[in-house]
Amino acid sequence: MALTHTEVVSALPAHLKTAVTPAFVDKLNNIVADQHVAEEFERNFITYSKVLTGGKYKTGDYLNAVAYVTYKLLGHSNQDAYKYAFPDRYRDMVAAGKDAKQISSFVAAYHKGQLVTAILEQSIVPAWVLHQGKFHEAIGVLAEVALDTTALNKDRVAAADSLAKHLTAPVAKEVNLNIGVQESSGMIEMKQMMAEMARQQKEMIENGADVKAIAEQGLIIDATATEKP
């Protein structure tokens, strides 16, 4: 479905909104002939328009770069993507007698340009997401080998071991929080006094003192004094 004037205006940064004319929208909607590619191009035009916010690029250059990146994302080589995005320019180079090496150098320079690089950076998909299907296929192969009674034992063991490693649930990480609480000298002294109390009371019990009487005592400060609560 073709993009409307409103959609194009809303996608562009403020300093470029006034440049959106009906002719520009028509050019945008007609830049790619193939309907499937055109839909991808229009979606990418909206998605990657953030690169225009810096004000460094012209909208025409952006259109061409999005077309090139769209063909790249559809699996085409750099040279084919360039040829489809710039058919007239490519034909002119061929007509001018440029050989494959020379054309390749032009393509490489365009691919490494700042605008294309900026758009490609936004289009990068994490490898683990992109190849998630391959991961599941690999797991299936490992399972088949591990369960295959005709396979060599060492291969079955290796497959089972690899399968166990890949299917092990992630281990919850322990979080150690250091909240910065440090014991004051008073707290340290109190601990020492409590320890001394326990030692003295244990010694008294071992020497035959009445356990009930000791339990009713207050904090023992020294061997001869007792402080009632």
C-alpha atoms as a PDB file:
ATOM      1  CA  MET A   1       0.000   0.000   0.000  1.00  0.00           C
ATOM      2  CA  ALA A   2       1.383   3.420  -0.978  1.00  0.00           C
ATOM      3  CA  LEU A   3       2.453   5.897   1.669  1.00  0.00           C
ATOM      4  CA  THR A   4       0.311   8.988   2.093  1.00  0.00           C
ATOM      5  CA  HIS A   5       1.478  12.591   2.367  1.00  0.00           C
ATOM      6  CA  THR A   6       0.552  12.581   6.077  1.00  0.00           C
ATOM      7  CA  GLU A   7       2.546   9.422   6.801  1.00  0.00           C
ATOM      8  CA  VAL A   8       5.629  10.781   5.080  1.00  0.00           C
ATOM      9  CA  VAL A   9       5.416  14.128   6.883  1.00  0.00           C
ATOM     10  CA  SER A  10       4.983  12.476  10.292  1.00  0.00           C
ATOM     11  CA  ALA A  11       8.024  10.247   9.681  1.00  0.00           C
ATOM     12  CA  LEU A  12      10.419  13.064   8.856  1.00  0.00           C
ATOM     13  CA  PRO A  13      12.127  15.427  11.338  1.00  0.00           C
ATOM     14  CA  ALA A  14      10.749  18.947  11.693  1.00  0.00           C
ATOM     15  CA  HIS A  15      13.290  20.644   9.419  1.00  0.00           C
ATOM     16  CA  LEU A  16      12.312  18.399   6.481  1.00  0.00           C
ATOM     17  CA  LYS A  17       8.530  18.327   6.839  1.00  0.00           C
ATOM     18  CA  THR A  18       7.994  21.383   4.646  1.00  0.00           C
ATOM     19  CA  ALA A  19       9.957  19.757   1.824  1.00  0.00           C
ATOM     20  CA  VAL A  20       7.392  16.981   1.421  1.00  0.00           C
ATOM     21  CA  THR A  21       5.511  17.761  -1.773  1.00  0.00           C
ATOM     22  CA  PRO A  22       3.071  15.582  -3.739  1.00  0.00           C
ATOM     23  CA  ALA A  23       5.869  15.015  -6.258  1.00  0.00           C
ATOM     24  CA  PHE A  24       8.166  13.814  -3.479  1.00  0.00           C
ATOM     25  CA  VAL A  25       5.528  11.371  -2.197  1.00  0.00           C
ATOM     26  CA  ASP A  26       5.005  10.075  -5.741  1.00  0.00           C
ATOM     27  CA  LYS A  27       8.734   9.576  -6.172  1.00  0.00           C
ATOM     28  CA  LEU A  28       8.851   7.759  -2.852  1.00  0.00           C
ATOM     29  CA  ASN A  29       6.018   5.431  -3.836  1.00  0.00           C
ATOM     30  CA  ASN A  30       7.445   4.751  -7.276  1.00  0.00           C
ATOM     31  CA  ILE A  31      11.138   4.402  -6.475  1.00  0.00           C
ATOM     32  CA  VAL A  32      10.839   0.592  -6.462  1.00  0.00           C
ATOM     33  CA  ALA A  33       8.849  -1.196  -9.153  1.00  0.00           C
ATOM     34  CA  ASP A  34       8.532  -4.609  -7.509  1.00  0.00           C
ATOM     35  CA  GLN A  35       5.496  -4.542  -5.193  1.00  0.00           C
ATOM     36  CA  HIS A  36       7.048  -6.802  -2.538  1.00  0.00           C
ATOM     37  CA  VAL A  37      10.244  -4.772  -2.452  1.00  0.00           C
ATOM     38  CA  ALA A  38       8.216  -1.552  -2.517  1.00  0.00           C
ATOM     39  CA  GLU A  39       6.401  -2.529   0.673  1.00  0.00           C
ATOM     40  CA  GLU A  40       9.706  -3.284   2.391  1.00  0.00           C
ATOM     41  CA  PHE A  41      11.141  -0.010   1.137  1.00  0.00           C
ATOM     42  CA  GLU A  42       8.201   2.038   2.416  1.00  0.00           C
ATOM     43  CA  ARG A  43       8.405   0.352   5.808  1.00  0.00           C
ATOM     44  CA  ASN A  44      12.151   0.969   5.989  1.00  0.00           C
ATOM     45  CA  PHE A  45      11.703   4.596   4.945  1.00  0.00           C
ATOM     46  CA  ILE A  46       9.575   5.131   8.061  1.00  0.00           C
ATOM     47  CA  THR A  47      11.665   2.935  10.361  1.00  0.00           C
ATOM     48  CA  TYR A  48      15.078   4.439   9.653  1.00  0.00           C
ATOM     49  CA  SER A  49      14.046   8.094   9.281  1.00  0.00           C
ATOM     50  CA  LYS A  50      15.726   8.792  12.616  1.00  0.00           C
ATOM     51  CA  VAL A  51      19.053   9.121  10.771  1.00  0.00           C
ATOM     52  CA  LEU A  52      17.746  12.334   9.214  1.00  0.00           C
ATOM     53  CA  THR A  53      17.404  14.140  12.542  1.00  0.00           C
ATOM     54  CA  GLY A  54      21.018  15.285  12.446  1.00  0.00           C
ATOM     55  CA  GLY A  55      20.347  17.381   9.353  1.00  0.00           C
ATOM     56  CA  LYS A  56      23.419  16.027   7.532  1.00  0.00           C
ATOM     57  CA  TYR A  57      21.620  14.203   4.709  1.00  0.00           C
ATOM     58  CA  LYS A  58      19.327  15.215   1.867  1.00  0.00           C
ATOM     59  CA  THR A  59      15.999  13.444   1.562  1.00  0.00           C
ATOM     60  CA  GLY A  60      16.869  12.317  -1.975  1.00  0.00           C
ATOM     61  CA  ASP A  61      20.056  10.671  -0.761  1.00  0.00           C
ATOM     62  CA  TYR A  62      18.114   9.096   2.077  1.00  0.00           C
ATOM     63  CA  LEU A  63      15.595   7.634  -0.388  1.00  0.00           C
ATOM     64  CA  ASN A  64      18.375   6.054  -2.430  1.00  0.00           C
ATOM     65  CA  ALA A  65      20.168   4.723   0.644  1.00  0.00           C
ATOM     66  CA  VAL A  66      16.968   3.155   2.011  1.00  0.00           C
ATOM     67  CA  ALA A  67      16.388   1.500  -1.370  1.00  0.00           C
ATOM     68  CA  TYR A  68      19.934   0.096  -1.320  1.00  0.00           C
ATOM     69  CA  VAL A  69      19.610  -1.157   2.264  1.00  0.00           C
ATOM     70  CA  THR A  70      16.200  -2.676   1.496  1.00  0.00           C
ATOM     71  CA  TYR A  71      17.707  -4.786  -1.280  1.00  0.00           C
ATOM     72  CA  LYS A  72      20.557  -5.752   1.061  1.00  0.00           C
ATOM     73  CA  LEU A  73      18.115  -6.873   3.751  1.00  0.00           C
ATOM     74  CA  LEU A  74      16.318  -8.978   1.171  1.00  0.00           C
ATOM     75  CA  GLY A  75      19.508 -10.976   0.679  1.00  0.00           C
ATOM     76  CA  HIS A  76      21.092  -9.338  -2.364  1.00  0.00           C
ATOM     77  CA  SER A  77      24.829  -8.809  -2.691  1.00  0.00           C
ATOM     78  CA  ASN A  78      26.269  -5.298  -2.421  1.00  0.00           C
ATOM     79  CA  GLN A  79      26.676  -5.052  -6.186  1.00  0.00           C
ATOM     80  CA  ASP A  80      23.170  -6.307  -6.989  1.00  0.00           C
ATOM     81  CA  ALA A  81      21.637  -4.023  -4.362  1.00  0.00           C
ATOM     82  CA  TYR A  82      23.492  -1.085  -5.904  1.00  0.00           C
ATOM     83  CA  LYS A  83      22.396  -2.075  -9.418  1.00  0.00           C
ATOM     84  CA  TYR A  84      18.724  -2.286  -8.360  1.00  0.00           C
ATOM     85  CA  ALA A  85      18.821   0.928  -6.322  1.00  0.00           C
ATOM     86  CA  PHE A  86      20.657   2.900  -9.026  1.00  0.00           C
ATOM     87  CA  PRO A  87      19.712   1.281 -12.338  1.00  0.00           C
ATOM     88  CA  ASP A  88      20.477   4.366 -14.451  1.00  0.00           C
ATOM     89  CA  ARG A  89      23.793   5.005 -12.729  1.00  0.00           C
ATOM     90  CA  TYR A  90      24.778   1.355 -13.082  1.00  0.00           C
ATOM     91  CA  ARG A  91      23.896   1.326 -16.808  1.00  0.00           C
ATOM     92  CA  ASP A  92      25.903   4.504 -17.332  1.00  0.00           C
ATOM     93  CA  MET A  93      28.975   2.937 -15.749  1.00  0.00           C
ATOM     94  CA  VAL A  94      28.659  -0.162 -17.922  1.00  0.00           C
ATOM     95  CA  ALA A  95      28.126   2.003 -21.015  1.00  0.00           C
ATOM     96  CA  ALA A  96      31.203   4.032 -20.106  1.00  0.00           C
ATOM     97  CA  GLY A  97      33.284   0.864 -20.234  1.00  0.00           C
ATOM     98  CA  LYS A  98      33.833   0.440 -16.494  1.00  0.00           C
ATOM     99  CA  ASP A  99      34.944  -3.101 -15.782  1.00  0.00           C
ATOM    100  CA  ALA A 100      33.665  -5.264 -12.909  1.00  0.00           C
ATOM    101  CA  LYS A 101      36.570  -4.279 -10.638  1.00  0.00           C
ATOM    102  CA  GLN A 102      35.959  -0.567 -11.127  1.00  0.00           C
ATOM    103  CA  ILE A 103      32.215  -0.901 -10.564  1.00  0.00           C
ATOM    104  CA  SER A 104      32.912  -2.979  -7.464  1.00  0.00           C
ATOM    105  CA  SER A 105      35.080  -0.203  -6.049  1.00  0.00           C
ATOM    106  CA  PHE A 106      32.262   2.339  -6.543  1.00  0.00           C
ATOM    107  CA  VAL A 107      29.821  -0.032  -4.825  1.00  0.00           C
ATOM    108  CA  ALA A 108      32.212  -0.620  -1.912  1.00  0.00           C
ATOM    109  CA  ALA A 109      32.663   3.123  -1.417  1.00  0.00           C
ATOM    110  CA  TYR A 110      28.906   3.675  -1.389  1.00  0.00           C
ATOM    111  CA  HIS A 111      28.343   0.794   1.019  1.00  0.00           C
ATOM    112  CA  LYS A 112      30.877   2.247   3.458  1.00  0.00           C
ATOM    113  CA  GLY A 113      29.377   5.744   3.295  1.00  0.00           C
ATOM    114  CA  GLN A 114      28.073   7.374   6.471  1.00  0.00           C
ATOM    115  CA  LEU A 115      24.420   7.394   5.404  1.00  0.00           C
ATOM    116  CA  VAL A 116      24.281   3.720   4.440  1.00  0.00           C
ATOM    117  CA  THR A 117      26.266   2.797   7.549  1.00  0.00           C
ATOM    118  CA  ALA A 118      23.846   4.755   9.770  1.00  0.00           C
ATOM    119  CA  ILE A 119      20.838   2.976   8.269  1.00  0.00           C
ATOM    120  CA  LEU A 120      22.473  -0.456   8.432  1.00  0.00           C
ATOM    121  CA  GLU A 121      23.318   0.083  12.100  1.00  0.00           C
ATOM    122  CA  GLN A 122      19.603   0.544  12.840  1.00  0.00           C
ATOM    123  CA  SER A 123      18.711  -2.562  10.849  1.00  0.00           C
ATOM    124  CA  ILE A 124      21.067  -4.948  12.626  1.00  0.00           C
ATOM    125  CA  VAL A 125      19.296  -7.889  14.229  1.00  0.00           C
ATOM    126  CA  PRO A 126      21.097  -9.844  16.987  1.00  0.00           C
ATOM    127  CA  ALA A 127      22.521 -13.068  15.573  1.00  0.00           C
ATOM    128  CA  TRP A 128      20.818 -15.192  18.221  1.00  0.00           C
ATOM    129  CA  VAL A 129      17.432 -13.796  17.134  1.00  0.00           C
ATOM    130  CA  LEU A 130      18.194 -14.022  13.425  1.00  0.00           C
ATOM    131  CA  HIS A 131      19.314 -17.642  13.648  1.00  0.00           C
ATOM    132  CA  GLN A 132      16.960 -18.863  16.359  1.00  0.00           C
ATOM    133  CA  GLY A 133      15.489 -21.389  13.930  1.00  0.00           C
ATOM    134  CA  LYS A 134      18.951 -22.805  13.255  1.00  0.00           C
ATOM    135  CA  PHE A 135      19.466 -23.244  16.993  1.00  0.00           C
ATOM    136  CA  HIS A 136      16.332 -25.366  17.286  1.00  0.00           C
ATOM    137  CA  GLU A 137      17.370 -27.395  14.247  1.00  0.00           C
ATOM    138  CA  ALA A 138      20.782 -28.033  15.804  1.00  0.00           C
ATOM    139  CA  ILE A 139      19.142 -29.144  19.044  1.00  0.00           C
ATOM    140  CA  GLY A 140      17.004 -31.561  17.032  1.00  0.00           C
ATOM    141  CA  VAL A 141      20.071 -33.044  15.325  1.00  0.00           C
ATOM    142  CA  LEU A 142      21.828 -33.529  18.666  1.00  0.00           C
ATOM    143  CA  ALA A 143      18.751 -35.281  20.047  1.00  0.00           C
ATOM    144  CA  GLU A 144      18.595 -37.606  17.027  1.00  0.00           C
ATOM    145  CA  VAL A 145      22.261 -38.584  17.398  1.00  0.00           C
ATOM    146  CA  ALA A 146      21.952 -39.099  21.149  1.00  0.00           C
ATOM    147  CA  LEU A 147      18.978 -41.433  20.677  1.00  0.00           C
ATOM    148  CA  ASP A 148      20.302 -43.241  17.621  1.00  0.00           C
ATOM    149  CA  THR A 149      21.211 -46.774  18.740  1.00  0.00           C
ATOM    150  CA  THR A 150      23.122 -47.368  15.499  1.00  0.00           C
ATOM    151  CA  ALA A 151      25.501 -44.460  16.120  1.00  0.00           C
ATOM    152  CA  LEU A 152      28.882 -44.893  17.800  1.00  0.00           C
ATOM    153  CA  ASN A 153      28.730 -44.702  21.578  1.00  0.00           C
ATOM    154  CA  LYS A 154      31.240 -41.874  21.719  1.00  0.00           C
ATOM    155  CA  ASP A 155      29.144 -39.841  19.248  1.00  0.00           C
ATOM    156  CA  ARG A 156      25.970 -40.482  21.244  1.00  0.00           C
ATOM    157  CA  VAL A 157      27.685 -39.477  24.479  1.00  0.00           C
ATOM    158  CA  ALA A 158      29.119 -36.323  22.888  1.00  0.00           C
ATOM    159  CA  ALA A 159      25.701 -35.388  21.477  1.00  0.00           C
ATOM    160  CA  ALA A 160      23.964 -36.043  24.803  1.00  0.00           C
ATOM    161  CA  ASP A 161      26.584 -33.996  26.660  1.00  0.00           C
ATOM    162  CA  SER A 162      26.236 -31.068  24.239  1.00  0.00           C
ATOM    163  CA  LEU A 163      22.452 -31.321  24.424  1.00  0.00           C
ATOM    164  CA  ALA A 164      22.520 -31.221  28.222  1.00  0.00           C
ATOM    165  CA  LYS A 165      24.711 -28.107  28.192  1.00  0.00           C
ATOM    166  CA  HIS A 166      22.511 -26.233  25.724  1.00  0.00           C
ATOM    167  CA  LEU A 167      19.251 -27.156  27.417  1.00  0.00           C
ATOM    168  CA  THR A 168      20.334 -26.472  30.987  1.00  0.00           C
ATOM    169  CA  ALA A 169      18.189 -23.780  32.559  1.00  0.00           C
ATOM    170  CA  PRO A 170      20.107 -20.571  33.313  1.00  0.00           C
ATOM    171  CA  VAL A 171      21.439 -20.406  36.851  1.00  0.00           C
ATOM    172  CA  ALA A 172      20.016 -17.572  38.890  1.00  0.00           C
ATOM    173  CA  LYS A 173      22.766 -15.160  39.777  1.00  0.00           C
ATOM    174  CA  GLU A 174      23.214 -14.303  43.419  1.00  0.00           C
ATOM    175  CA  VAL A 175      23.273 -10.622  44.090  1.00  0.00           C
ATOM    176  CA  ASN A 176      25.545  -9.556  46.915  1.00  0.00           C
ATOM    177  CA  LEU A 177      24.586  -6.198  48.320  1.00  0.00           C
ATOM    178  CA  ASN A 178      27.083  -4.308  50.408  1.00  0.00           C
ATOM    179  CA  ILE A 179      24.902  -1.766  52.150  1.00  0.00           C
ATOM    180  CA  GLY A 180      27.854  -0.195  53.872  1.00  0.00           C
ATOM    181  CA  VAL A 181      26.884  -0.937  57.486  1.00  0.00           C
ATOM    182  CA  GLN A 182      29.981  -0.935  59.645  1.00  0.00           C
ATOM    183  CA  GLU A 183      30.123  -1.851  63.290  1.00  0.00           C
ATOM    184  CA  SER A 184      30.815   1.011  65.646  1.00  0.00           C
ATOM    185  CA  SER A 185      33.217   0.667  68.558  1.00  0.00           C
ATOM    186  CA  GLY A 186      30.195   0.471  70.883  1.00  0.00           C
ATOM    187  CA  MET A 187      28.716  -2.462  68.945  1.00  0.00           C
ATOM    188  CA  ILE A 188      32.044  -4.278  68.982  1.00  0.00           C
ATOM    189  CA  GLU A 189      32.375  -3.705  72.732  1.00  0.00           C
ATOM    190  CA  MET A 190      28.829  -4.993  73.315  1.00  0.00           C
ATOM    191  CA  LYS A 191      29.574  -8.180  71.366  1.00  0.00           C
ATOM    192  CA  GLN A 192      32.690  -8.731  73.400  1.00  0.00           C
ATOM    193  CA  MET A 193      30.775  -8.223  76.657  1.00  0.00           C
ATOM    194  CA  MET A 194      28.058 -10.691  75.574  1.00  0.00           C
ATOM    195  CA  ALA A 195      30.689 -13.250  74.678  1.00  0.00           C
ATOM    196  CA  GLU A 196      32.367 -12.765  78.041  1.00  0.00           C
ATOM    197  CA  MET A 197      29.017 -13.134  79.817  1.00  0.00           C
ATOM    198  CA  ALA A 198      28.350 -16.408  78.054  1.00  0.00           C
ATOM    199  CA  ARG A 199      31.824 -17.678  78.934  1.00  0.00           C
ATOM    200  CA  GLN A 200      31.494 -16.768  82.618  1.00  0.00           C
ATOM    201  CA  GLN A 201      27.992 -18.207  82.951  1.00  0.00           C
ATOM    202  CA  LYS A 202      29.083 -21.437  81.298  1.00  0.00           C
ATOM    203  CA  GLU A 203      32.008 -21.652  83.713  1.00  0.00           C
ATOM    204  CA  MET A 204      29.711 -21.052  86.707  1.00  0.00           C
ATOM    205  CA  ILE A 205      27.311 -23.796  85.589  1.00  0.00           C
ATOM    206  CA  GLU A 206      30.217 -26.207  85.150  1.00  0.00           C
ATOM    207  CA  ASN A 207      31.268 -25.368  88.732  1.00  0.00           C
ATOM    208  CA  GLY A 208      27.834 -26.366  90.080  1.00  0.00           C
ATOM    209  CA  ALA A 209      26.000 -23.004  90.182  1.00  0.00           C
ATOM    210  CA  ASP A 210      22.181 -22.978  90.038  1.00  0.00           C
ATOM    211  CA  VAL A 211      21.126 -22.716  86.362  1.00  0.00           C
ATOM    212  CA  LYS A 212      17.855 -20.919  87.217  1.00  0.00           C
ATOM    213  CA  ALA A 213      19.645 -18.333  89.301  1.00  0.00           C
ATOM    214  CA  ILE A 214      22.153 -17.695  86.519  1.00  0.00           C
ATOM    215  CA  ALA A 215      19.371 -17.298  83.945  1.00  0.00           C
ATOM    216  CA  GLU A 216      17.755 -14.615  86.123  1.00  0.00           C
ATOM    217  CA  GLN A 217      20.957 -12.626  86.358  1.00  0.00           C
ATOM    218  CA  GLY A 218      21.556  -9.443  84.408  1.00  0.00           C
ATOM    219  CA  LEU A 219      24.529  -8.685  82.198  1.00  0.00           C
ATOM    220  CA  ILE A 220      27.770  -9.766  83.824  1.00  0.00           C
ATOM    221  CA  ILE A 221      30.246  -6.905  83.587  1.00  0.00           C
ATOM    222  CA  ASP A 222      33.061  -8.657  85.382  1.00  0.00           C
ATOM    223  CA  ALA A 223      33.550 -11.692  87.541  1.00  0.00           C
ATOM    224  CA  THR A 224      32.225  -9.989  90.739  1.00  0.00           C
ATOM    225  CA  ALA A 225      29.573  -7.492  89.577  1.00  0.00           C
ATOM    226  CA  THR A 226      26.115  -7.988  88.108  1.00  0.00           C
ATOM    227  CA  GLU A 227      23.853  -5.314  86.605  1.00  0.00           C
ATOM    228  CA  LYS A 228      20.148  -5.936  86.917  1.00  0.00           C
ATOM    229  CA  PRO A 229      17.940  -4.848  83.955  1.00  0.00           C
END
